[in-house]
Amino acid sequence: MPMPISIIIPTFNEEKTIKKSLKALQFLRLYGAEVIVSDGGSNDGTKAESANLVDHWIDSAKGRAIQMNAGADAARYSTMLFLHADTALPNNAVNVLKVFIESTSIWGRFDVRLSGDKRMFRVIEFMMNWRSWLTGIATGDQAIFVRKTYFERVGRFPDQPLMEDVSLTQKLKKISRPYCIKVPVTTNSRRWEKNGVWKTIVLMWSLRFKYMLGVDTKKLYQQYYPS
């Protein structure tokens, strides 16, 4: 069962998580998937921890959109999956992605699950997945996958520091609604746990609303990553 897909992971100082994340992808590599790490100038042990676990290591300028576009340039397969360093694909990823690859769909995303055990996380997951199903828009936590031809057609990820995933999928949605995989990816809930559940919910919705109103993404980035 060949798996012709390029998995692109943007990283920056991920030495604590990257090895575990990459080890979980070795099963897909056995089926032919390629794993590309596009690093934004890490000054920790990210590269050392990635040794022998990737097909391509790319030294990129910093910025998630820039890094993912650099990874796309190096991708040798016509289907690409953009995966956050702290997000894990489900155990049956080979089977569910194979179905997409053999379909006529052009892009899609997974449902998402948060790694923490708090009951409120189950509510947040439901709302995130419901919102994505309702709007046809996906975020990077949902492991967006897309045919390279259409990725290029809509202009790739825009060169902006935040909401690059929303912007890309808004454009892709104009061509077709996403192919939705109900089996969830699991994304790290560390930000929710560190900053507080309700505070993070308010922040996320505030950023999305301001983005819809046209607020500069540089200002949104500063709000999301306060110095």
Protein backbone atom coordinates (compact mmCIF):
# COMPACT_ATOMS: atom_id res chain seq x y z
CA MET A 1 0.00 0.00 0.00
CA PRO A 2 2.19 2.91 -1.22
CA MET A 3 1.73 6.26 0.50
CA PRO A 4 2.73 9.02 -1.97
CA ILE A 5 2.43 12.00 0.34
CA SER A 6 4.84 14.67 1.58
CA ILE A 7 4.47 15.53 5.27
CA ILE A 8 5.79 19.03 5.98
CA ILE A 9 6.55 20.11 9.55
CA PRO A 10 7.56 23.70 10.40
CA THR A 11 9.75 23.89 13.50
CA PHE A 12 11.38 26.42 15.78
CA ASN A 13 13.06 25.28 18.99
CA GLU A 14 11.11 22.05 19.28
CA GLU A 15 13.82 19.84 20.81
CA LYS A 16 11.48 18.69 23.58
CA THR A 17 8.77 17.39 21.24
CA ILE A 18 10.18 16.80 17.76
CA LYS A 19 11.76 13.38 18.30
CA LYS A 20 8.56 11.86 19.62
CA SER A 21 6.58 13.46 16.80
CA LEU A 22 8.94 12.20 14.11
CA LYS A 23 9.13 8.69 15.54
CA ALA A 24 5.36 8.47 15.21
CA LEU A 25 5.73 9.15 11.47
CA GLN A 26 8.24 6.40 10.74
CA PHE A 27 5.44 3.94 10.05
CA LEU A 28 4.23 6.17 7.21
CA ARG A 29 7.78 6.41 5.86
CA LEU A 30 7.81 2.61 5.58
CA TYR A 31 4.92 2.97 3.17
CA GLY A 32 6.73 5.60 1.09
CA ALA A 33 5.65 8.87 2.66
CA GLU A 34 8.38 11.49 2.88
CA VAL A 35 8.87 13.65 5.96
CA ILE A 36 10.21 17.18 5.55
CA VAL A 37 11.20 19.41 8.46
CA SER A 38 11.40 23.09 7.57
CA ASP A 39 13.20 24.84 10.40
CA GLY A 40 13.05 28.55 11.11
CA GLY A 41 16.48 28.93 12.70
CA SER A 42 16.23 26.86 15.87
CA ASN A 43 19.07 27.47 18.32
CA ASP A 44 18.40 24.40 20.45
CA GLY A 45 18.72 20.69 19.69
CA THR A 46 15.86 20.41 17.20
CA LYS A 47 18.12 19.35 14.32
CA ALA A 48 20.05 16.83 16.40
CA GLU A 49 16.80 15.30 17.69
CA SER A 50 15.57 14.96 14.09
CA ALA A 51 18.62 13.03 12.87
CA ASN A 52 17.79 9.96 10.74
CA LEU A 53 14.05 10.55 11.22
CA VAL A 54 13.42 12.84 8.23
CA ASP A 55 13.90 12.68 4.48
CA HIS A 56 14.70 16.36 4.10
CA TRP A 57 15.85 19.04 6.54
CA ILE A 58 15.37 22.60 5.28
CA ASP A 59 16.96 25.69 6.81
CA SER A 60 14.37 28.38 6.21
CA ALA A 61 13.73 31.96 7.19
CA LYS A 62 11.55 32.10 10.29
CA GLY A 63 7.78 32.28 9.93
CA ARG A 64 5.34 29.38 9.75
CA ALA A 65 3.98 30.38 6.33
CA ILE A 66 7.48 30.91 4.92
CA GLN A 67 8.67 27.60 6.34
CA MET A 68 5.71 25.61 5.02
CA ASN A 69 6.10 27.14 1.56
CA ALA A 70 9.78 26.19 1.63
CA GLY A 71 8.79 22.66 2.54
CA ALA A 72 6.30 22.59 -0.32
CA ASP A 73 9.07 23.59 -2.72
CA ALA A 74 11.03 20.52 -1.66
CA ALA A 75 8.07 18.12 -1.73
CA ARG A 76 8.35 15.41 -4.37
CA TYR A 77 4.78 14.16 -4.11
CA SER A 78 1.66 15.76 -5.53
CA THR A 79 -0.18 15.49 -2.20
CA MET A 80 1.14 17.43 0.79
CA LEU A 81 0.17 17.39 4.46
CA PHE A 82 1.14 20.26 6.74
CA LEU A 83 1.63 19.02 10.29
CA HIS A 84 2.45 20.99 13.43
CA ALA A 85 5.36 19.66 15.46
CA ASP A 86 3.11 19.07 18.47
CA THR A 87 0.30 17.35 16.56
CA ALA A 88 0.07 13.57 16.12
CA LEU A 89 -1.68 11.76 13.29
CA PRO A 90 -4.10 8.93 14.19
CA ASN A 91 -2.94 5.31 14.19
CA ASN A 92 -4.87 4.57 11.00
CA ALA A 93 -3.41 7.57 9.12
CA VAL A 94 -2.16 5.35 6.29
CA ASN A 95 -5.64 4.01 5.55
CA VAL A 96 -7.57 7.26 5.81
CA LEU A 97 -5.04 9.28 3.80
CA LYS A 98 -4.88 6.56 1.16
CA VAL A 99 -8.62 6.98 0.59
CA PHE A 100 -8.15 10.73 0.08
CA ILE A 101 -5.19 10.29 -2.27
CA GLU A 102 -7.22 7.93 -4.46
CA SER A 103 -10.26 10.23 -4.44
CA THR A 104 -11.00 13.24 -6.65
CA SER A 105 -11.04 15.64 -3.69
CA ILE A 106 -8.48 18.44 -3.77
CA TRP A 107 -7.93 19.28 -0.11
CA GLY A 108 -9.03 18.41 3.36
CA ARG A 109 -8.38 18.27 7.07
CA PHE A 110 -8.79 16.05 10.12
CA ASP A 111 -11.02 16.55 13.10
CA VAL A 112 -8.92 17.55 16.10
CA ARG A 113 -8.55 16.33 19.67
CA LEU A 114 -6.71 18.13 22.49
CA SER A 115 -4.21 16.03 24.44
CA GLY A 116 -5.34 17.10 27.92
CA ASP A 117 -7.87 15.24 30.08
CA LYS A 118 -9.96 18.19 31.24
CA ARG A 119 -13.66 17.77 30.49
CA MET A 120 -13.75 21.26 29.03
CA PHE A 121 -11.28 20.16 26.34
CA ARG A 122 -13.90 17.78 24.97
CA VAL A 123 -16.29 20.72 24.59
CA ILE A 124 -13.60 22.82 22.90
CA GLU A 125 -12.81 20.00 20.46
CA PHE A 126 -16.47 19.65 19.56
CA MET A 127 -16.80 23.37 18.92
CA MET A 128 -13.60 23.52 16.84
CA ASN A 129 -14.70 20.61 14.66
CA TRP A 130 -18.28 21.85 14.37
CA ARG A 131 -17.10 25.33 13.38
CA SER A 132 -14.79 23.88 10.74
CA TRP A 133 -17.56 21.67 9.33
CA LEU A 134 -19.99 24.60 9.27
CA THR A 135 -17.64 27.14 7.67
CA GLY A 136 -15.50 24.86 5.51
CA ILE A 137 -12.42 26.57 6.96
CA ALA A 138 -9.57 24.71 8.69
CA THR A 139 -6.68 25.63 10.94
CA GLY A 140 -3.18 24.21 11.10
CA ASP A 141 -4.00 22.14 14.19
CA GLN A 142 -6.24 20.05 11.94
CA ALA A 143 -3.36 18.86 9.73
CA ILE A 144 -4.40 20.38 6.40
CA PHE A 145 -3.65 18.28 3.30
CA VAL A 146 -3.86 19.46 -0.30
CA ARG A 147 -2.96 18.60 -3.88
CA LYS A 148 0.14 20.54 -4.84
CA THR A 149 -1.44 21.81 -8.07
CA TYR A 150 -4.26 23.53 -6.20
CA PHE A 151 -1.93 24.74 -3.45
CA GLU A 152 0.00 26.61 -6.12
CA ARG A 153 -3.17 27.74 -7.89
CA VAL A 154 -4.47 29.63 -4.85
CA GLY A 155 -1.12 31.29 -4.20
CA ARG A 156 0.31 29.03 -1.45
CA PHE A 157 0.41 30.24 2.15
CA PRO A 158 0.33 34.04 2.26
CA ASP A 159 3.38 35.77 3.72
CA GLN A 160 1.77 36.79 6.98
CA PRO A 161 2.68 35.94 10.60
CA LEU A 162 -0.72 34.60 11.68
CA MET A 163 -3.92 33.18 10.15
CA GLU A 164 -2.01 31.87 7.15
CA ASP A 165 -3.91 28.59 7.50
CA VAL A 166 -7.29 30.33 7.56
CA SER A 167 -6.36 32.42 4.52
CA LEU A 168 -5.24 29.36 2.53
CA THR A 169 -8.34 27.35 3.30
CA GLN A 170 -10.63 30.27 2.55
CA LYS A 171 -9.19 30.28 -0.96
CA LEU A 172 -9.37 26.50 -1.31
CA LYS A 173 -12.97 26.51 -0.14
CA LYS A 174 -13.89 28.65 -3.15
CA ILE A 175 -12.87 25.68 -5.30
CA SER A 176 -14.43 22.99 -3.13
CA ARG A 177 -15.39 22.19 0.44
CA PRO A 178 -12.83 20.19 2.42
CA TYR A 179 -12.56 16.44 2.57
CA CYS A 180 -13.11 15.85 6.29
CA ILE A 181 -11.54 12.93 8.16
CA LYS A 182 -13.48 12.27 11.34
CA VAL A 183 -10.71 10.27 13.01
CA PRO A 184 -8.93 13.05 14.90
CA VAL A 185 -5.37 14.18 15.06
CA THR A 186 -4.21 14.93 18.61
CA THR A 187 -2.71 18.34 19.25
CA ASN A 188 -0.88 19.39 22.38
CA SER A 189 -3.05 21.32 24.84
CA ARG A 190 -0.04 23.02 26.47
CA ARG A 191 -1.10 26.54 25.50
CA TRP A 192 -4.61 26.04 26.89
CA GLU A 193 -3.20 24.64 30.12
CA LYS A 194 -0.54 27.30 30.51
CA ASN A 195 -2.70 30.35 29.79
CA GLY A 196 -6.04 29.08 31.08
CA VAL A 197 -8.94 27.56 29.16
CA TRP A 198 -11.36 30.50 29.18
CA LYS A 199 -8.66 33.07 28.59
CA THR A 200 -7.45 31.12 25.57
CA ILE A 201 -10.98 30.68 24.20
CA VAL A 202 -11.62 34.42 24.42
CA LEU A 203 -8.25 35.16 22.80
CA MET A 204 -8.82 32.74 19.91
CA TRP A 205 -12.29 34.02 19.12
CA SER A 206 -11.12 37.63 19.44
CA LEU A 207 -8.29 37.04 16.97
CA ARG A 208 -10.60 35.33 14.47
CA PHE A 209 -13.14 38.15 14.72
CA LYS A 210 -10.50 40.85 14.29
CA TYR A 211 -9.05 38.98 11.32
CA MET A 212 -12.49 38.93 9.70
CA LEU A 213 -12.64 42.71 10.21
CA GLY A 214 -9.33 43.13 8.41
CA VAL A 215 -7.02 43.90 11.32
CA ASP A 216 -3.34 43.65 10.32
CA THR A 217 -2.03 40.15 11.05
CA LYS A 218 1.17 41.64 12.51
CA LYS A 219 -0.94 43.22 15.25
CA LEU A 220 -2.78 39.95 15.78
CA TYR A 221 0.54 38.11 16.04
CA GLN A 222 1.70 40.51 18.75
CA GLN A 223 -1.50 39.83 20.66
CA TYR A 224 -1.10 36.06 20.28
CA TYR A 225 2.59 36.05 21.15
CA PRO A 226 3.03 38.96 23.59
CA SER A 227 6.68 39.78 24.30
